Amino acid sequence: MDVNVVCTDDNYFFRLGISKVIEEALLSDAEVKFLSGFDSHNLRQADFILINVSQWRLYMCQPAYRERKPGSIILVFYR
């Protein structure tokens, strides 16, 4: 089972760390796959949506979130 993730942060170490957290939380050998691009097409496929932004740049009102996959999880990280 693959777990699709959309992430606003391109930092390799952040992505590696969060992929290990997701794998451990699901208690499975699921492969975490990062989708490229933060658009409505990828949001429809994502199981996890990771937003890493400054407090003043919260993207919670984007219309694309209306098209997200039912049951997907949005995680917001503040810098």
PDB file of N, CA and C in Angstrom:
ATOM      1  N   MET A   1       0.839  -1.173   0.000  1.00  0.00           N
ATOM      2  CA  MET A   1       0.000   0.000   0.000  1.00  0.00           C
ATOM      3  C   MET A   1       0.889   1.243   0.000  1.00  0.00           C
ATOM      4  N   ASP A   2       0.660   2.131  -0.939  1.00  0.00           N
ATOM      5  CA  ASP A   2       1.393   3.393  -0.990  1.00  0.00           C
ATOM      6  C   ASP A   2       0.604   4.476  -0.287  1.00  0.00           C
ATOM      7  N   VAL A   3       1.313   5.357   0.376  1.00  0.00           N
ATOM      8  CA  VAL A   3       0.709   6.515   1.026  1.00  0.00           C
ATOM      9  C   VAL A   3       1.165   7.743   0.244  1.00  0.00           C
ATOM     10  N   ASN A   4       0.221   8.439  -0.364  1.00  0.00           N
ATOM     11  CA  ASN A   4       0.536   9.622  -1.157  1.00  0.00           C
ATOM     12  C   ASN A   4       0.530  10.861  -0.278  1.00  0.00           C
ATOM     13  N   VAL A   5       1.579  11.670  -0.418  1.00  0.00           N
ATOM     14  CA  VAL A   5       1.749  12.862   0.409  1.00  0.00           C
ATOM     15  C   VAL A   5       2.019  14.064  -0.490  1.00  0.00           C
ATOM     16  N   VAL A   6       1.339  15.164  -0.202  1.00  0.00           N
ATOM     17  CA  VAL A   6       1.637  16.454  -0.823  1.00  0.00           C
ATOM     18  C   VAL A   6       2.244  17.319   0.264  1.00  0.00           C
ATOM     19  N   CYS A   7       3.371  17.950  -0.040  1.00  0.00           N
ATOM     20  CA  CYS A   7       4.087  18.738   0.966  1.00  0.00           C
ATOM     21  C   CYS A   7       4.532  20.066   0.364  1.00  0.00           C
ATOM     22  N   THR A   8       4.351  21.155   1.126  1.00  0.00           N
ATOM     23  CA  THR A   8       4.772  22.468   0.641  1.00  0.00           C
ATOM     24  C   THR A   8       6.248  22.729   0.897  1.00  0.00           C
ATOM     25  N   ASP A   9       6.901  21.878   1.652  1.00  0.00           N
ATOM     26  CA  ASP A   9       8.311  22.081   2.003  1.00  0.00           C
ATOM     27  C   ASP A   9       9.186  21.172   1.150  1.00  0.00           C
ATOM     28  N   ASP A  10      10.205  21.738   0.518  1.00  0.00           N
ATOM     29  CA  ASP A  10      11.116  20.956  -0.315  1.00  0.00           C
ATOM     30  C   ASP A  10      12.328  20.435   0.450  1.00  0.00           C
ATOM     31  N   ASN A  11      12.413  20.717   1.743  1.00  0.00           N
ATOM     32  CA  ASN A  11      13.551  20.312   2.556  1.00  0.00           C
ATOM     33  C   ASN A  11      13.617  18.785   2.638  1.00  0.00           C
ATOM     34  N   TYR A  12      14.732  18.227   2.182  1.00  0.00           N
ATOM     35  CA  TYR A  12      14.905  16.775   2.151  1.00  0.00           C
ATOM     36  C   TYR A  12      14.778  16.150   3.534  1.00  0.00           C
ATOM     37  N   PHE A  13      15.402  16.761   4.530  1.00  0.00           N
ATOM     38  CA  PHE A  13      15.407  16.182   5.869  1.00  0.00           C
ATOM     39  C   PHE A  13      14.022  16.242   6.515  1.00  0.00           C
ATOM     40  N   PHE A  14      13.270  17.303   6.253  1.00  0.00           N
ATOM     41  CA  PHE A  14      11.892  17.383   6.748  1.00  0.00           C
ATOM     42  C   PHE A  14      11.058  16.263   6.135  1.00  0.00           C
ATOM     43  N   ARG A  15      11.177  16.083   4.823  1.00  0.00           N
ATOM     44  CA  ARG A  15      10.413  15.031   4.134  1.00  0.00           C
ATOM     45  C   ARG A  15      10.809  13.634   4.605  1.00  0.00           C
ATOM     46  N   LEU A  16      12.098  13.404   4.776  1.00  0.00           N
ATOM     47  CA  LEU A  16      12.564  12.096   5.252  1.00  0.00           C
ATOM     48  C   LEU A  16      12.026  11.816   6.647  1.00  0.00           C
ATOM     49  N   GLY A  17      12.122  12.806   7.525  1.00  0.00           N
ATOM     50  CA  GLY A  17      11.633  12.627   8.890  1.00  0.00           C
ATOM     51  C   GLY A  17      10.144  12.384   8.952  1.00  0.00           C
ATOM     52  N   ILE A  18       9.383  13.168   8.211  1.00  0.00           N
ATOM     53  CA  ILE A  18       7.924  13.026   8.252  1.00  0.00           C
ATOM     54  C   ILE A  18       7.491  11.711   7.599  1.00  0.00           C
ATOM     55  N   SER A  19       8.233  11.239   6.600  1.00  0.00           N
ATOM     56  CA  SER A  19       7.882   9.949   5.999  1.00  0.00           C
ATOM     57  C   SER A  19       8.077   8.816   7.004  1.00  0.00           C
ATOM     58  N   LYS A  20       9.114   8.905   7.833  1.00  0.00           N
ATOM     59  CA  LYS A  20       9.331   7.887   8.870  1.00  0.00           C
ATOM     60  C   LYS A  20       8.248   7.960   9.945  1.00  0.00           C
ATOM     61  N   VAL A  21       7.824   9.171  10.300  1.00  0.00           N
ATOM     62  CA  VAL A  21       6.738   9.327  11.278  1.00  0.00           C
ATOM     63  C   VAL A  21       5.456   8.698  10.744  1.00  0.00           C
ATOM     64  N   ILE A  22       5.144   8.935   9.478  1.00  0.00           N
ATOM     65  CA  ILE A  22       3.930   8.365   8.875  1.00  0.00           C
ATOM     66  C   ILE A  22       4.019   6.846   8.841  1.00  0.00           C
ATOM     67  N   GLU A  23       5.168   6.306   8.436  1.00  0.00           N
ATOM     68  CA  GLU A  23       5.339   4.850   8.399  1.00  0.00           C
ATOM     69  C   GLU A  23       5.142   4.234   9.778  1.00  0.00           C
ATOM     70  N   GLU A  24       5.723   4.841  10.800  1.00  0.00           N
ATOM     71  CA  GLU A  24       5.593   4.318  12.163  1.00  0.00           C
ATOM     72  C   GLU A  24       4.166   4.466  12.687  1.00  0.00           C
ATOM     73  N   ALA A  25       3.510   5.561  12.362  1.00  0.00           N
ATOM     74  CA  ALA A  25       2.142   5.787  12.837  1.00  0.00           C
ATOM     75  C   ALA A  25       1.172   4.782  12.224  1.00  0.00           C
ATOM     76  N   LEU A  26       1.409   4.400  10.984  1.00  0.00           N
ATOM     77  CA  LEU A  26       0.526   3.443  10.316  1.00  0.00           C
ATOM     78  C   LEU A  26       0.876   2.001  10.658  1.00  0.00           C
ATOM     79  N   LEU A  27       2.030   1.795  11.302  1.00  0.00           N
ATOM     80  CA  LEU A  27       2.482   0.451  11.693  1.00  0.00           C
ATOM     81  C   LEU A  27       2.455  -0.522  10.520  1.00  0.00           C
ATOM     82  N   SER A  28       2.962  -0.059   9.402  1.00  0.00           N
ATOM     83  CA  SER A  28       2.984  -0.927   8.228  1.00  0.00           C
ATOM     84  C   SER A  28       4.241  -0.642   7.418  1.00  0.00           C
ATOM     85  N   ASP A  29       4.426  -1.445   6.405  1.00  0.00           N
ATOM     86  CA  ASP A  29       5.553  -1.253   5.499  1.00  0.00           C
ATOM     87  C   ASP A  29       5.137  -0.416   4.296  1.00  0.00           C
ATOM     88  N   ALA A  30       4.191   0.471   4.508  1.00  0.00           N
ATOM     89  CA  ALA A  30       3.698   1.319   3.426  1.00  0.00           C
ATOM     90  C   ALA A  30       4.810   2.220   2.918  1.00  0.00           C
ATOM     91  N   GLU A  31       4.867   2.368   1.619  1.00  0.00           N
ATOM     92  CA  GLU A  31       5.839   3.273   1.014  1.00  0.00           C
ATOM     93  C   GLU A  31       5.230   4.663   0.935  1.00  0.00           C
ATOM     94  N   VAL A  32       5.942   5.643   1.470  1.00  0.00           N
ATOM     95  CA  VAL A  32       5.476   7.028   1.429  1.00  0.00           C
ATOM     96  C   VAL A  32       5.972   7.647   0.133  1.00  0.00           C
ATOM     97  N   LYS A  33       5.031   8.106  -0.676  1.00  0.00           N
ATOM     98  CA  LYS A  33       5.353   8.679  -1.981  1.00  0.00           C
ATOM     99  C   LYS A  33       4.966  10.151  -1.974  1.00  0.00           C
ATOM    100  N   PHE A  34       5.938  11.036  -2.224  1.00  0.00           N
ATOM    101  CA  PHE A  34       5.665  12.466  -2.276  1.00  0.00           C
ATOM    102  C   PHE A  34       5.263  12.846  -3.696  1.00  0.00           C
ATOM    103  N   LEU A  35       4.095  13.452  -3.821  1.00  0.00           N
ATOM    104  CA  LEU A  35       3.613  13.914  -5.116  1.00  0.00           C
ATOM    105  C   LEU A  35       4.211  15.280  -5.408  1.00  0.00           C
ATOM    106  N   SER A  36       4.583  15.509  -6.656  1.00  0.00           N
ATOM    107  CA  SER A  36       5.183  16.800  -7.003  1.00  0.00           C
ATOM    108  C   SER A  36       4.084  17.807  -7.321  1.00  0.00           C
ATOM    109  N   GLY A  37       4.240  18.999  -6.807  1.00  0.00           N
ATOM    110  CA  GLY A  37       3.266  20.056  -7.078  1.00  0.00           C
ATOM    111  C   GLY A  37       2.173  20.113  -6.041  1.00  0.00           C
ATOM    112  N   PHE A  38       1.717  21.318  -5.782  1.00  0.00           N
ATOM    113  CA  PHE A  38       0.667  21.559  -4.791  1.00  0.00           C
ATOM    114  C   PHE A  38      -0.555  22.082  -5.533  1.00  0.00           C
ATOM    115  N   ASP A  39      -1.168  21.200  -6.336  1.00  0.00           N
ATOM    116  CA  ASP A  39      -2.321  21.612  -7.136  1.00  0.00           C
ATOM    117  C   ASP A  39      -3.516  20.718  -6.838  1.00  0.00           C
ATOM    118  N   SER A  40      -4.663  21.060  -7.411  1.00  0.00           N
ATOM    119  CA  SER A  40      -5.889  20.322  -7.096  1.00  0.00           C
ATOM    120  C   SER A  40      -5.813  18.864  -7.553  1.00  0.00           C
ATOM    121  N   HIS A  41      -5.094  18.580  -8.631  1.00  0.00           N
ATOM    122  CA  HIS A  41      -4.959  17.195  -9.102  1.00  0.00           C
ATOM    123  C   HIS A  41      -4.247  16.334  -8.057  1.00  0.00           C
ATOM    124  N   ASN A  42      -3.137  16.828  -7.526  1.00  0.00           N
ATOM    125  CA  ASN A  42      -2.400  16.074  -6.509  1.00  0.00           C
ATOM    126  C   ASN A  42      -3.142  16.039  -5.182  1.00  0.00           C
ATOM    127  N   LEU A  43      -3.873  17.097  -4.854  1.00  0.00           N
ATOM    128  CA  LEU A  43      -4.648  17.100  -3.608  1.00  0.00           C
ATOM    129  C   LEU A  43      -5.750  16.042  -3.640  1.00  0.00           C
ATOM    130  N   ARG A  44      -6.271  15.722  -4.823  1.00  0.00           N
ATOM    131  CA  ARG A  44      -7.293  14.674  -4.953  1.00  0.00           C
ATOM    132  C   ARG A  44      -6.717  13.288  -4.687  1.00  0.00           C
ATOM    133  N   GLN A  45      -5.410  13.120  -4.876  1.00  0.00           N
ATOM    134  CA  GLN A  45      -4.763  11.818  -4.704  1.00  0.00           C
ATOM    135  C   GLN A  45      -4.098  11.651  -3.343  1.00  0.00           C
ATOM    136  N   ALA A  46      -3.859  12.750  -2.649  1.00  0.00           N
ATOM    137  CA  ALA A  46      -3.047  12.723  -1.427  1.00  0.00           C
ATOM    138  C   ALA A  46      -3.806  12.155  -0.236  1.00  0.00           C
ATOM    139  N   ASP A  47      -3.122  11.292   0.516  1.00  0.00           N
ATOM    140  CA  ASP A  47      -3.647  10.795   1.785  1.00  0.00           C
ATOM    141  C   ASP A  47      -3.291  11.761   2.915  1.00  0.00           C
ATOM    142  N   PHE A  48      -2.135  12.408   2.795  1.00  0.00           N
ATOM    143  CA  PHE A  48      -1.681  13.406   3.759  1.00  0.00           C
ATOM    144  C   PHE A  48      -1.317  14.679   3.007  1.00  0.00           C
ATOM    145  N   ILE A  49      -1.745  15.810   3.546  1.00  0.00           N
ATOM    146  CA  ILE A  49      -1.386  17.115   3.001  1.00  0.00           C
ATOM    147  C   ILE A  49      -0.601  17.831   4.091  1.00  0.00           C
ATOM    148  N   LEU A  50       0.673  18.097   3.822  1.00  0.00           N
ATOM    149  CA  LEU A  50       1.553  18.726   4.801  1.00  0.00           C
ATOM    150  C   LEU A  50       1.820  20.162   4.384  1.00  0.00           C
ATOM    151  N   ILE A  51       1.500  21.084   5.273  1.00  0.00           N
ATOM    152  CA  ILE A  51       1.691  22.501   4.998  1.00  0.00           C
ATOM    153  C   ILE A  51       2.695  23.025   6.012  1.00  0.00           C
ATOM    154  N   ASN A  52       3.827  23.489   5.535  1.00  0.00           N
ATOM    155  CA  ASN A  52       4.875  24.029   6.394  1.00  0.00           C
ATOM    156  C   ASN A  52       5.059  25.495   6.024  1.00  0.00           C
ATOM    157  N   VAL A  53       4.475  26.383   6.814  1.00  0.00           N
ATOM    158  CA  VAL A  53       4.462  27.806   6.472  1.00  0.00           C
ATOM    159  C   VAL A  53       4.723  28.667   7.699  1.00  0.00           C
ATOM    160  N   SER A  54       5.029  29.931   7.437  1.00  0.00           N
ATOM    161  CA  SER A  54       5.087  30.911   8.514  1.00  0.00           C
ATOM    162  C   SER A  54       3.668  31.187   8.978  1.00  0.00           C
ATOM    163  N   GLN A  55       3.538  31.657  10.196  1.00  0.00           N
ATOM    164  CA  GLN A  55       2.218  31.849  10.784  1.00  0.00           C
ATOM    165  C   GLN A  55       1.346  32.788   9.957  1.00  0.00           C
ATOM    166  N   TRP A  56       1.933  33.746   9.308  1.00  0.00           N
ATOM    167  CA  TRP A  56       1.157  34.723   8.560  1.00  0.00           C
ATOM    168  C   TRP A  56       0.790  34.254   7.163  1.00  0.00           C
ATOM    169  N   ARG A  57       1.276  33.098   6.752  1.00  0.00           N
ATOM    170  CA  ARG A  57       0.998  32.618   5.399  1.00  0.00           C
ATOM    171  C   ARG A  57       0.199  31.318   5.410  1.00  0.00           C
ATOM    172  N   LEU A  58      -0.799  31.227   6.191  1.00  0.00           N
ATOM    173  CA  LEU A  58      -1.594  30.007   6.279  1.00  0.00           C
ATOM    174  C   LEU A  58      -2.502  29.884   5.059  1.00  0.00           C
ATOM    175  N   TYR A  59      -2.439  28.749   4.396  1.00  0.00           N
ATOM    176  CA  TYR A  59      -3.155  28.534   3.147  1.00  0.00           C
ATOM    177  C   TYR A  59      -4.477  27.786   3.330  1.00  0.00           C
ATOM    178  N   MET A  60      -5.120  27.914   4.444  1.00  0.00           N
ATOM    179  CA  MET A  60      -6.295  27.093   4.727  1.00  0.00           C
ATOM    180  C   MET A  60      -7.527  27.457   3.893  1.00  0.00           C
ATOM    181  N   CYS A  61      -7.559  28.622   3.263  1.00  0.00           N
ATOM    182  CA  CYS A  61      -8.762  29.010   2.532  1.00  0.00           C
ATOM    183  C   CYS A  61      -8.616  28.798   1.027  1.00  0.00           C
ATOM    184  N   GLN A  62      -7.654  28.018   0.593  1.00  0.00           N
ATOM    185  CA  GLN A  62      -7.497  27.761  -0.833  1.00  0.00           C
ATOM    186  C   GLN A  62      -8.672  26.946  -1.353  1.00  0.00           C
ATOM    187  N   PRO A  63      -9.243  27.343  -2.483  1.00  0.00           N
ATOM    188  CA  PRO A  63     -10.354  26.579  -3.068  1.00  0.00           C
ATOM    189  C   PRO A  63      -9.972  25.142  -3.423  1.00  0.00           C
ATOM    190  N   ALA A  64      -8.694  24.880  -3.675  1.00  0.00           N
ATOM    191  CA  ALA A  64      -8.260  23.529  -4.050  1.00  0.00           C
ATOM    192  C   ALA A  64      -8.545  22.514  -2.953  1.00  0.00           C
ATOM    193  N   TYR A  65      -8.610  22.945  -1.689  1.00  0.00           N
ATOM    194  CA  TYR A  65      -8.879  22.009  -0.597  1.00  0.00           C
ATOM    195  C   TYR A  65     -10.276  21.422  -0.675  1.00  0.00           C
ATOM    196  N   ARG A  66     -11.178  22.073  -1.347  1.00  0.00           N
ATOM    197  CA  ARG A  66     -12.526  21.513  -1.520  1.00  0.00           C
ATOM    198  C   ARG A  66     -12.494  20.247  -2.359  1.00  0.00           C
ATOM    199  N   GLU A  67     -11.480  20.117  -3.200  1.00  0.00           N
ATOM    200  CA  GLU A  67     -11.356  18.971  -4.098  1.00  0.00           C
ATOM    201  C   GLU A  67     -10.499  17.853  -3.515  1.00  0.00           C
ATOM    202  N   ARG A  68     -10.067  18.000  -2.262  1.00  0.00           N
ATOM    203  CA  ARG A  68      -9.152  17.001  -1.701  1.00  0.00           C
ATOM    204  C   ARG A  68      -9.842  15.653  -1.528  1.00  0.00           C
ATOM    205  N   LYS A  69      -9.051  14.629  -1.410  1.00  0.00           N
ATOM    206  CA  LYS A  69      -9.528  13.258  -1.248  1.00  0.00           C
ATOM    207  C   LYS A  69     -10.309  13.136   0.059  1.00  0.00           C
ATOM    208  N   PRO A  70     -11.505  12.545   0.021  1.00  0.00           N
ATOM    209  CA  PRO A  70     -12.267  12.352   1.265  1.00  0.00           C
ATOM    210  C   PRO A  70     -11.461  11.500   2.255  1.00  0.00           C
ATOM    211  N   GLY A  71     -11.395  11.948   3.489  1.00  0.00           N
ATOM    212  CA  GLY A  71     -10.665  11.224   4.517  1.00  0.00           C
ATOM    213  C   GLY A  71      -9.186  11.553   4.589  1.00  0.00           C
ATOM    214  N   SER A  72      -8.711  12.433   3.720  1.00  0.00           N
ATOM    215  CA  SER A  72      -7.294  12.802   3.781  1.00  0.00           C
ATOM    216  C   SER A  72      -7.029  13.659   5.017  1.00  0.00           C
ATOM    217  N   ILE A  73      -5.784  13.687   5.432  1.00  0.00           N
ATOM    218  CA  ILE A  73      -5.394  14.373   6.662  1.00  0.00           C
ATOM    219  C   ILE A  73      -4.552  15.591   6.313  1.00  0.00           C
ATOM    220  N   ILE A  74      -4.917  16.745   6.883  1.00  0.00           N
ATOM    221  CA  ILE A  74      -4.143  17.969   6.697  1.00  0.00           C
ATOM    222  C   ILE A  74      -3.352  18.228   7.973  1.00  0.00           C
ATOM    223  N   LEU A  75      -2.031  18.351   7.832  1.00  0.00           N
ATOM    224  CA  LEU A  75      -1.151  18.680   8.954  1.00  0.00           C
ATOM    225  C   LEU A  75      -0.469  20.006   8.654  1.00  0.00           C
ATOM    226  N   VAL A  76      -0.536  20.944   9.594  1.00  0.00           N
ATOM    227  CA  VAL A  76       0.074  22.254   9.413  1.00  0.00           C
ATOM    228  C   VAL A  76       1.220  22.402  10.406  1.00  0.00           C
ATOM    229  N   PHE A  77       2.387  22.768   9.905  1.00  0.00           N
ATOM    230  CA  PHE A  77       3.574  23.009  10.721  1.00  0.00           C
ATOM    231  C   PHE A  77       3.937  24.477  10.606  1.00  0.00           C
ATOM    232  N   TYR A  78       4.082  25.147  11.752  1.00  0.00           N
ATOM    233  CA  TYR A  78       4.484  26.554  11.769  1.00  0.00           C
ATOM    234  C   TYR A  78       5.981  26.657  11.960  1.00  0.00           C
ATOM    235  N   ARG A  79       6.580  27.606  11.281  1.00  0.00           N
ATOM    236  CA  ARG A  79       8.023  27.855  11.444  1.00  0.00           C
ATOM    237  C   ARG A  79       8.250  28.806  12.569  1.00  0.00           C
TER     238      ARG A  79
END
